[in-house]
């Protein structure tokens, strides 16, 4: 949902999930409440049930959208041809996905 922050936001509050020190902005708008996740760790925690995993220190990936894994280059690829990295220590998270070496 897109909205004009100046015109549509009533106020912003902080949500702190139990057991974490993370603070997540909550935008209260005329369209409802929206959680503004501003860290990869926040995305990983909040979207884990939707198939997202941290595959590297620089990404959180929707595993349901991965088309294949290149186990030689340590990358995952998506339907539009884009890719992102997988750390060696997290390759087990994508072991169940189709493999293909890209040259």
Foldseek 3Di string as FASTA:
>chain_A
DDDDLVPFFPDWDWDDDPPDPDTWIWTQGPVGIDTHDDDQVSCCVVCVVQQWDPQDRVDIDRLVQFQEAAPVQQWTAGPVGDIDHGDPVRVVVCPVHHYDHDD
